[in-house]
Amino acid sequence: MRLRIQVFGELIEHLKSPAGDGMFLELPEGTDIKTMLERLGLPSGHVGVVLLNGKFSNRDVILNHDDQVQIIPQLEGG
């Protein structure tokens, strides 16, 4: 299946391949968000929010062909 992925902030530096404004990723059917994050090489402790087709999503959700995923880093403050 093919997904459109957008990665924001410091997470871009962790990607195994350049993302630019967005990228497409091919994954096997039945892949969940957690596995997708691992495949991208993103450290789980740095990922804050994952939006799936514009809605907040848990990491155990199974992805579908043509899904759009936005990955936002963990926010830190003080």
N, C-alpha and C. Protein backbone atom coordinates (compact mmCIF):
# COMPACT_ATOMS: atom_id res chain seq x y z
N MET A 1 0.84 -1.18 0.00
CA MET A 1 0.00 0.00 0.00
C MET A 1 0.88 1.24 0.00
N ARG A 2 0.33 2.31 -0.48
CA ARG A 2 1.08 3.56 -0.58
C ARG A 2 0.48 4.60 0.34
N LEU A 3 1.35 5.27 1.12
CA LEU A 3 0.95 6.30 2.06
C LEU A 3 1.64 7.61 1.73
N ARG A 4 0.98 8.70 2.03
CA ARG A 4 1.65 10.01 1.94
C ARG A 4 2.00 10.41 3.36
N ILE A 5 3.28 10.71 3.58
CA ILE A 5 3.81 11.01 4.91
C ILE A 5 4.35 12.43 4.93
N GLN A 6 4.01 13.16 5.99
CA GLN A 6 4.61 14.46 6.25
C GLN A 6 5.19 14.42 7.66
N VAL A 7 6.44 14.83 7.77
CA VAL A 7 7.15 14.82 9.05
C VAL A 7 7.55 16.25 9.35
N PHE A 8 7.37 16.66 10.60
CA PHE A 8 7.60 18.05 10.97
C PHE A 8 8.71 18.19 12.02
N GLY A 9 9.26 19.40 12.08
CA GLY A 9 10.21 19.77 13.13
C GLY A 9 11.48 18.93 13.13
N GLU A 10 11.99 18.69 14.33
CA GLU A 10 13.25 17.98 14.50
C GLU A 10 13.21 16.54 13.99
N LEU A 11 12.03 15.99 13.82
CA LEU A 11 11.92 14.60 13.36
C LEU A 11 12.47 14.40 11.95
N ILE A 12 12.47 15.46 11.15
CA ILE A 12 12.99 15.37 9.79
C ILE A 12 14.43 14.89 9.80
N GLU A 13 15.20 15.32 10.81
CA GLU A 13 16.62 14.94 10.90
C GLU A 13 16.81 13.44 11.12
N HIS A 14 15.80 12.76 11.66
CA HIS A 14 15.90 11.34 11.98
C HIS A 14 15.50 10.42 10.82
N LEU A 15 14.93 10.98 9.77
CA LEU A 15 14.44 10.15 8.68
C LEU A 15 15.58 9.43 7.97
N LYS A 16 15.30 8.21 7.55
CA LYS A 16 16.29 7.43 6.80
C LYS A 16 16.43 7.95 5.37
N SER A 17 15.41 8.63 4.86
CA SER A 17 15.48 9.24 3.53
C SER A 17 14.88 10.64 3.61
N PRO A 18 15.32 11.55 2.73
CA PRO A 18 14.84 12.93 2.80
C PRO A 18 13.33 13.03 2.58
N ALA A 19 12.68 13.96 3.29
CA ALA A 19 11.23 14.08 3.19
C ALA A 19 10.79 15.29 2.39
N GLY A 20 11.55 16.37 2.47
CA GLY A 20 11.12 17.59 1.80
C GLY A 20 9.75 18.02 2.33
N ASP A 21 8.85 18.37 1.43
CA ASP A 21 7.51 18.80 1.82
C ASP A 21 6.62 17.61 2.15
N GLY A 22 7.04 16.43 1.83
CA GLY A 22 6.27 15.22 2.06
C GLY A 22 6.88 14.10 1.25
N MET A 23 6.46 12.90 1.52
CA MET A 23 7.00 11.78 0.77
C MET A 23 5.97 10.68 0.71
N PHE A 24 6.19 9.75 -0.18
CA PHE A 24 5.34 8.58 -0.29
C PHE A 24 6.11 7.39 0.24
N LEU A 25 5.40 6.47 0.88
CA LEU A 25 6.02 5.30 1.47
C LEU A 25 5.19 4.08 1.10
N GLU A 26 5.86 3.04 0.63
CA GLU A 26 5.21 1.77 0.32
C GLU A 26 5.41 0.83 1.49
N LEU A 27 4.31 0.28 2.00
CA LEU A 27 4.35 -0.67 3.11
C LEU A 27 3.40 -1.82 2.82
N PRO A 28 3.63 -2.97 3.43
CA PRO A 28 2.71 -4.09 3.24
C PRO A 28 1.33 -3.82 3.85
N GLU A 29 0.30 -4.39 3.27
CA GLU A 29 -1.05 -4.29 3.83
C GLU A 29 -1.02 -4.80 5.27
N GLY A 30 -1.79 -4.19 6.15
CA GLY A 30 -1.86 -4.62 7.53
C GLY A 30 -0.83 -3.98 8.44
N THR A 31 -0.04 -3.04 7.92
CA THR A 31 0.96 -2.35 8.73
C THR A 31 0.28 -1.35 9.66
N ASP A 32 0.74 -1.30 10.92
CA ASP A 32 0.19 -0.32 11.85
C ASP A 32 1.10 0.90 11.93
N ILE A 33 0.63 1.93 12.62
CA ILE A 33 1.38 3.18 12.72
C ILE A 33 2.71 2.97 13.42
N LYS A 34 2.74 2.18 14.48
CA LYS A 34 3.98 1.93 15.21
C LYS A 34 5.05 1.35 14.29
N THR A 35 4.68 0.38 13.48
CA THR A 35 5.62 -0.25 12.55
C THR A 35 6.09 0.75 11.50
N MET A 36 5.17 1.60 11.02
CA MET A 36 5.53 2.63 10.05
C MET A 36 6.57 3.57 10.62
N LEU A 37 6.39 4.00 11.89
CA LEU A 37 7.36 4.89 12.53
C LEU A 37 8.73 4.23 12.63
N GLU A 38 8.76 2.94 12.97
CA GLU A 38 10.02 2.20 13.04
C GLU A 38 10.68 2.14 11.67
N ARG A 39 9.89 1.88 10.65
CA ARG A 39 10.41 1.79 9.28
C ARG A 39 11.03 3.11 8.83
N LEU A 40 10.43 4.22 9.28
CA LEU A 40 10.96 5.54 8.94
C LEU A 40 12.22 5.88 9.74
N GLY A 41 12.48 5.13 10.81
CA GLY A 41 13.65 5.40 11.65
C GLY A 41 13.41 6.50 12.67
N LEU A 42 12.16 6.75 13.01
CA LEU A 42 11.84 7.81 13.97
C LEU A 42 11.84 7.26 15.39
N PRO A 43 12.59 7.87 16.30
CA PRO A 43 12.61 7.41 17.69
C PRO A 43 11.26 7.66 18.35
N SER A 44 10.65 6.62 18.89
CA SER A 44 9.29 6.72 19.42
C SER A 44 9.16 7.78 20.51
N GLY A 45 10.19 7.97 21.33
CA GLY A 45 10.13 8.97 22.39
C GLY A 45 10.11 10.40 21.88
N HIS A 46 10.43 10.60 20.62
CA HIS A 46 10.45 11.94 20.04
C HIS A 46 9.18 12.27 19.28
N VAL A 47 8.38 11.25 18.98
CA VAL A 47 7.13 11.47 18.24
C VAL A 47 6.05 11.85 19.24
N GLY A 48 5.43 13.00 19.02
CA GLY A 48 4.38 13.46 19.91
C GLY A 48 3.01 13.05 19.44
N VAL A 49 2.62 13.54 18.27
CA VAL A 49 1.27 13.33 17.75
C VAL A 49 1.36 12.74 16.34
N VAL A 50 0.48 11.78 16.08
CA VAL A 50 0.33 11.25 14.73
C VAL A 50 -1.10 11.53 14.28
N LEU A 51 -1.22 12.23 13.17
CA LEU A 51 -2.52 12.48 12.58
C LEU A 51 -2.70 11.55 11.39
N LEU A 52 -3.82 10.87 11.35
CA LEU A 52 -4.15 9.97 10.25
C LEU A 52 -5.35 10.55 9.53
N ASN A 53 -5.14 10.97 8.31
CA ASN A 53 -6.20 11.61 7.52
C ASN A 53 -6.82 12.78 8.30
N GLY A 54 -5.95 13.54 8.98
CA GLY A 54 -6.37 14.76 9.66
C GLY A 54 -6.93 14.58 11.07
N LYS A 55 -6.92 13.33 11.59
CA LYS A 55 -7.46 13.07 12.93
C LYS A 55 -6.40 12.42 13.80
N PHE A 56 -6.42 12.74 15.10
CA PHE A 56 -5.49 12.12 16.04
C PHE A 56 -5.65 10.61 15.98
N SER A 57 -4.51 9.90 16.07
CA SER A 57 -4.56 8.45 15.94
C SER A 57 -3.64 7.77 16.94
N ASN A 58 -4.05 6.59 17.38
CA ASN A 58 -3.20 5.74 18.22
C ASN A 58 -2.21 4.99 17.34
N ARG A 59 -1.15 4.51 17.95
CA ARG A 59 -0.09 3.85 17.18
C ARG A 59 -0.42 2.42 16.80
N ASP A 60 -1.50 1.86 17.33
CA ASP A 60 -1.86 0.49 16.98
C ASP A 60 -2.87 0.43 15.83
N VAL A 61 -3.23 1.58 15.27
CA VAL A 61 -4.19 1.64 14.17
C VAL A 61 -3.55 1.10 12.89
N ILE A 62 -4.30 0.26 12.17
CA ILE A 62 -3.83 -0.31 10.90
C ILE A 62 -4.05 0.74 9.80
N LEU A 63 -3.02 0.91 8.99
CA LEU A 63 -3.05 1.87 7.90
C LEU A 63 -3.69 1.26 6.65
N ASN A 64 -4.22 2.12 5.79
CA ASN A 64 -4.84 1.70 4.53
C ASN A 64 -4.20 2.43 3.36
N HIS A 65 -4.33 1.85 2.18
CA HIS A 65 -3.80 2.46 0.96
C HIS A 65 -4.33 3.89 0.83
N ASP A 66 -3.44 4.80 0.45
CA ASP A 66 -3.74 6.22 0.22
C ASP A 66 -4.01 7.02 1.49
N ASP A 67 -3.73 6.45 2.67
CA ASP A 67 -3.84 7.24 3.91
C ASP A 67 -2.82 8.37 3.88
N GLN A 68 -3.15 9.45 4.56
CA GLN A 68 -2.23 10.57 4.73
C GLN A 68 -1.88 10.66 6.21
N VAL A 69 -0.57 10.68 6.49
CA VAL A 69 -0.08 10.66 7.86
C VAL A 69 0.80 11.88 8.10
N GLN A 70 0.49 12.61 9.17
CA GLN A 70 1.34 13.72 9.60
C GLN A 70 1.93 13.34 10.95
N ILE A 71 3.25 13.51 11.08
CA ILE A 71 3.97 13.12 12.28
C ILE A 71 4.59 14.37 12.89
N ILE A 72 4.17 14.67 14.13
CA ILE A 72 4.58 15.91 14.79
C ILE A 72 5.44 15.55 16.00
N PRO A 73 6.56 16.25 16.20
CA PRO A 73 7.45 15.90 17.32
C PRO A 73 6.84 16.18 18.68
N GLN A 74 7.40 15.52 19.68
CA GLN A 74 7.03 15.74 21.07
C GLN A 74 7.39 17.19 21.42
N LEU A 75 6.47 17.88 22.05
CA LEU A 75 6.74 19.27 22.43
C LEU A 75 7.37 19.28 23.82
N GLU A 76 8.36 20.12 23.97
CA GLU A 76 9.02 20.28 25.27
C GLU A 76 8.93 21.74 25.68
N GLY A 77 8.79 21.94 26.92
CA GLY A 77 8.71 23.31 27.38
C GLY A 77 9.15 23.42 28.83
N GLY A 78 9.19 24.62 29.29
CA GLY A 78 9.61 24.80 30.65
C GLY A 78 9.16 26.11 31.20
